[in-house]
Amino acid sequence: MVGLSLAGLLSKNKQLCITLIDVEQRPAFGPEDDISLRVSAISPGSVAILERINAWQEIQSARVCPYRDMKVWDAGSSVDGPETLHFDSAEFALPQLGFIVENLLIEQALLNQVDRLGVALRYSSQIKTIKRCGS
């Protein structure tokens, strides 16, 4: 997701020619697919980046769930122990802290946008060597 986001942002500069290389096959996502358990908590800052690439609109129209409350604790402690961190959107006067989104949905929206932006995508590929110009 990071590489796709960076490729989308960099492709806004028309002086750059961007190619994304991935050893894996291109992922596929369909709205009729079962809900994936691999999800990410997307913060407002991440939403802003996805909006700049025009991917958030596609993501938001699919399966997203706002989260307003979050607790973080260590596996060796209690969920309500003194070391638990608790975040509540009401404390910040926000409607939500962010959104829970399936990773495949994020990847698919980013892929759709980098395709539209003209990023070259090379799947099932790997880099064998890198040479500097003039060497």
C-alpha atoms as a PDB file:
ATOM      1  CA  MET A   1       0.000   0.000   0.000  1.00  0.00           C
ATOM      2  CA  VAL A   2       2.878   2.350   0.770  1.00  0.00           C
ATOM      3  CA  GLY A   3       4.517   1.766  -2.614  1.00  0.00           C
ATOM      4  CA  LEU A   4       1.238   2.287  -4.466  1.00  0.00           C
ATOM      5  CA  SER A   5       0.545   5.481  -2.513  1.00  0.00           C
ATOM      6  CA  LEU A   6       4.021   6.830  -3.209  1.00  0.00           C
ATOM      7  CA  ALA A   7       3.730   5.928  -6.905  1.00  0.00           C
ATOM      8  CA  GLY A   8       0.392   7.747  -7.070  1.00  0.00           C
ATOM      9  CA  LEU A   9       1.768  10.868  -5.407  1.00  0.00           C
ATOM     10  CA  LEU A  10       4.962  10.909  -7.494  1.00  0.00           C
ATOM     11  CA  SER A  11       3.036  10.410 -10.734  1.00  0.00           C
ATOM     12  CA  LYS A  12       1.427  13.824 -10.223  1.00  0.00           C
ATOM     13  CA  ASN A  13       4.806  15.228 -11.333  1.00  0.00           C
ATOM     14  CA  LYS A  14       4.652  14.852 -15.126  1.00  0.00           C
ATOM     15  CA  GLN A  15       8.459  15.091 -15.369  1.00  0.00           C
ATOM     16  CA  LEU A  16       8.770  11.689 -13.688  1.00  0.00           C
ATOM     17  CA  CYS A  17       8.256   8.281 -15.265  1.00  0.00           C
ATOM     18  CA  ILE A  18       7.143   5.865 -12.539  1.00  0.00           C
ATOM     19  CA  THR A  19       7.326   2.060 -12.682  1.00  0.00           C
ATOM     20  CA  LEU A  20       6.133  -0.139  -9.835  1.00  0.00           C
ATOM     21  CA  ILE A  21       7.657  -3.635  -9.635  1.00  0.00           C
ATOM     22  CA  ASP A  22       6.148  -6.411  -7.510  1.00  0.00           C
ATOM     23  CA  VAL A  23       7.241 -10.038  -7.243  1.00  0.00           C
ATOM     24  CA  GLU A  24       3.632 -11.072  -6.466  1.00  0.00           C
ATOM     25  CA  GLN A  25       0.688 -11.315  -8.852  1.00  0.00           C
ATOM     26  CA  ARG A  26      -1.652  -8.353  -9.122  1.00  0.00           C
ATOM     27  CA  PRO A  27      -4.201  -8.539  -6.285  1.00  0.00           C
ATOM     28  CA  ALA A  28      -7.891  -8.647  -7.140  1.00  0.00           C
ATOM     29  CA  PHE A  29     -10.804  -7.352  -5.092  1.00  0.00           C
ATOM     30  CA  GLY A  30     -14.500  -7.409  -5.819  1.00  0.00           C
ATOM     31  CA  PRO A  31     -17.250  -5.843  -3.705  1.00  0.00           C
ATOM     32  CA  GLU A  32     -19.070  -9.181  -3.784  1.00  0.00           C
ATOM     33  CA  ASP A  33     -16.038 -10.941  -2.248  1.00  0.00           C
ATOM     34  CA  ASP A  34     -16.192 -12.143   1.343  1.00  0.00           C
ATOM     35  CA  ILE A  35     -15.045  -9.575   3.878  1.00  0.00           C
ATOM     36  CA  SER A  36     -11.309  -9.926   4.441  1.00  0.00           C
ATOM     37  CA  LEU A  37      -9.887 -10.118   7.949  1.00  0.00           C
ATOM     38  CA  ARG A  38      -6.761  -8.169   6.889  1.00  0.00           C
ATOM     39  CA  VAL A  39      -7.719  -4.592   7.656  1.00  0.00           C
ATOM     40  CA  SER A  40      -6.051  -1.288   8.479  1.00  0.00           C
ATOM     41  CA  ALA A  41      -7.086   1.580  10.716  1.00  0.00           C
ATOM     42  CA  ILE A  42      -6.928   4.599   8.407  1.00  0.00           C
ATOM     43  CA  SER A  43      -6.244   7.903  10.156  1.00  0.00           C
ATOM     44  CA  PRO A  44      -7.417  11.322   8.885  1.00  0.00           C
ATOM     45  CA  GLY A  45      -3.864  11.937   7.626  1.00  0.00           C
ATOM     46  CA  SER A  46      -3.962   8.743   5.572  1.00  0.00           C
ATOM     47  CA  VAL A  47      -7.412   9.687   4.252  1.00  0.00           C
ATOM     48  CA  ALA A  48      -5.918  13.010   3.075  1.00  0.00           C
ATOM     49  CA  ILE A  49      -3.176  11.167   1.157  1.00  0.00           C
ATOM     50  CA  LEU A  50      -5.706   8.789  -0.394  1.00  0.00           C
ATOM     51  CA  GLU A  51      -7.847  11.799  -1.371  1.00  0.00           C
ATOM     52  CA  ARG A  52      -4.867  13.435  -3.138  1.00  0.00           C
ATOM     53  CA  ILE A  53      -4.546  10.302  -5.273  1.00  0.00           C
ATOM     54  CA  ASN A  54      -8.359  10.165  -5.755  1.00  0.00           C
ATOM     55  CA  ALA A  55      -8.464   6.682  -4.210  1.00  0.00           C
ATOM     56  CA  TRP A  56     -10.490   7.577  -1.104  1.00  0.00           C
ATOM     57  CA  GLN A  57     -13.670   8.212  -3.097  1.00  0.00           C
ATOM     58  CA  GLU A  58     -13.588   4.640  -4.409  1.00  0.00           C
ATOM     59  CA  ILE A  59     -12.744   3.229  -0.977  1.00  0.00           C
ATOM     60  CA  GLN A  60     -15.460   5.226   0.767  1.00  0.00           C
ATOM     61  CA  SER A  61     -18.118   4.034  -1.679  1.00  0.00           C
ATOM     62  CA  ALA A  62     -17.358   0.402  -0.774  1.00  0.00           C
ATOM     63  CA  ARG A  63     -16.915  -1.149   2.668  1.00  0.00           C
ATOM     64  CA  VAL A  64     -15.576   1.205   5.318  1.00  0.00           C
ATOM     65  CA  CYS A  65     -16.423   1.438   8.994  1.00  0.00           C
ATOM     66  CA  PRO A  66     -15.654   4.490  11.122  1.00  0.00           C
ATOM     67  CA  TYR A  67     -14.094   3.890  14.512  1.00  0.00           C
ATOM     68  CA  ARG A  68     -14.681   6.306  17.365  1.00  0.00           C
ATOM     69  CA  ASP A  69     -12.968   4.516  20.207  1.00  0.00           C
ATOM     70  CA  MET A  70      -9.772   2.475  20.476  1.00  0.00           C
ATOM     71  CA  LYS A  71      -7.926   0.695  23.264  1.00  0.00           C
ATOM     72  CA  VAL A  72      -4.328  -0.482  22.940  1.00  0.00           C
ATOM     73  CA  TRP A  73      -2.732  -2.827  25.475  1.00  0.00           C
ATOM     74  CA  ASP A  74       0.091  -5.312  25.750  1.00  0.00           C
ATOM     75  CA  ALA A  75      -0.712  -9.015  25.436  1.00  0.00           C
ATOM     76  CA  GLY A  76       0.657  -9.569  28.938  1.00  0.00           C
ATOM     77  CA  SER A  77      -1.667  -7.042  30.574  1.00  0.00           C
ATOM     78  CA  SER A  78      -5.365  -6.467  31.116  1.00  0.00           C
ATOM     79  CA  VAL A  79      -7.552  -4.614  28.617  1.00  0.00           C
ATOM     80  CA  ASP A  80      -8.591  -2.237  31.405  1.00  0.00           C
ATOM     81  CA  GLY A  81      -5.232  -2.139  33.181  1.00  0.00           C
ATOM     82  CA  PRO A  82      -3.391   1.100  34.004  1.00  0.00           C
ATOM     83  CA  GLU A  83      -0.997   0.658  31.067  1.00  0.00           C
ATOM     84  CA  THR A  84      -3.850   0.536  28.517  1.00  0.00           C
ATOM     85  CA  LEU A  85      -4.023   3.456  26.102  1.00  0.00           C
ATOM     86  CA  HIS A  86      -7.555   4.657  25.375  1.00  0.00           C
ATOM     87  CA  PHE A  87      -8.454   6.974  22.510  1.00  0.00           C
ATOM     88  CA  ASP A  88     -11.935   8.464  22.173  1.00  0.00           C
ATOM     89  CA  SER A  89     -13.008  10.706  19.291  1.00  0.00           C
ATOM     90  CA  ALA A  90     -15.235  12.725  21.642  1.00  0.00           C
ATOM     91  CA  GLU A  91     -12.132  13.901  23.540  1.00  0.00           C
ATOM     92  CA  PHE A  92     -10.923  15.528  20.321  1.00  0.00           C
ATOM     93  CA  ALA A  93     -14.369  16.754  19.227  1.00  0.00           C
ATOM     94  CA  LEU A  94     -14.153  14.527  16.143  1.00  0.00           C
ATOM     95  CA  PRO A  95     -16.928  12.434  14.599  1.00  0.00           C
ATOM     96  CA  GLN A  96     -14.461   9.509  14.350  1.00  0.00           C
ATOM     97  CA  LEU A  97     -10.794   8.715  14.885  1.00  0.00           C
ATOM     98  CA  GLY A  98     -10.559   7.133  11.446  1.00  0.00           C
ATOM     99  CA  PHE A  99     -11.850   4.224   9.415  1.00  0.00           C
ATOM    100  CA  ILE A 100     -11.334   0.466   9.365  1.00  0.00           C
ATOM    101  CA  VAL A 101     -10.789  -0.636   5.758  1.00  0.00           C
ATOM    102  CA  GLU A 102      -9.892  -3.962   4.160  1.00  0.00           C
ATOM    103  CA  ASN A 103      -6.321  -3.948   2.862  1.00  0.00           C
ATOM    104  CA  LEU A 104      -7.384  -5.483  -0.471  1.00  0.00           C
ATOM    105  CA  LEU A 105      -9.903  -2.677  -0.984  1.00  0.00           C
ATOM    106  CA  ILE A 106      -7.220  -0.051  -0.364  1.00  0.00           C
ATOM    107  CA  GLU A 107      -4.836  -1.821  -2.751  1.00  0.00           C
ATOM    108  CA  GLN A 108      -7.498  -2.121  -5.457  1.00  0.00           C
ATOM    109  CA  ALA A 109      -8.460   1.564  -5.234  1.00  0.00           C
ATOM    110  CA  LEU A 110      -4.795   2.587  -5.349  1.00  0.00           C
ATOM    111  CA  LEU A 111      -4.169   0.270  -8.317  1.00  0.00           C
ATOM    112  CA  ASN A 112      -7.116   1.753 -10.190  1.00  0.00           C
ATOM    113  CA  GLN A 113      -5.761   5.252  -9.618  1.00  0.00           C
ATOM    114  CA  VAL A 114      -2.134   4.543 -10.535  1.00  0.00           C
ATOM    115  CA  ASP A 115      -3.435   2.838 -13.702  1.00  0.00           C
ATOM    116  CA  ARG A 116      -5.323   6.055 -14.545  1.00  0.00           C
ATOM    117  CA  LEU A 117      -2.277   8.166 -13.709  1.00  0.00           C
ATOM    118  CA  GLY A 118      -0.096   6.231 -16.150  1.00  0.00           C
ATOM    119  CA  VAL A 119       2.146   4.395 -13.686  1.00  0.00           C
ATOM    120  CA  ALA A 120       3.759   1.339 -15.305  1.00  0.00           C
ATOM    121  CA  LEU A 121       2.941  -1.775 -13.274  1.00  0.00           C
ATOM    122  CA  ARG A 122       5.146  -4.863 -13.519  1.00  0.00           C
ATOM    123  CA  TYR A 123       3.705  -7.796 -11.580  1.00  0.00           C
ATOM    124  CA  SER A 124       5.282 -11.225 -11.143  1.00  0.00           C
ATOM    125  CA  SER A 125       8.628  -9.500 -11.714  1.00  0.00           C
ATOM    126  CA  GLN A 126      11.753  -8.861  -9.738  1.00  0.00           C
ATOM    127  CA  ILE A 127      14.811  -6.654 -10.021  1.00  0.00           C
ATOM    128  CA  LYS A 128      17.990  -8.557 -10.852  1.00  0.00           C
ATOM    129  CA  THR A 129      20.440  -5.653 -11.024  1.00  0.00           C
ATOM    130  CA  ILE A 130      20.512  -1.895 -10.696  1.00  0.00           C
ATOM    131  CA  LYS A 131      23.119   0.131 -12.535  1.00  0.00           C
ATOM    132  CA  ARG A 132      23.805   3.827 -12.242  1.00  0.00           C
ATOM    133  CA  CYS A 133      23.959   5.782 -15.469  1.00  0.00           C
ATOM    134  CA  GLY A 134      27.558   6.080 -16.628  1.00  0.00           C
ATOM    135  CA  SER A 135      28.815   3.077 -14.656  1.00  0.00           C
END
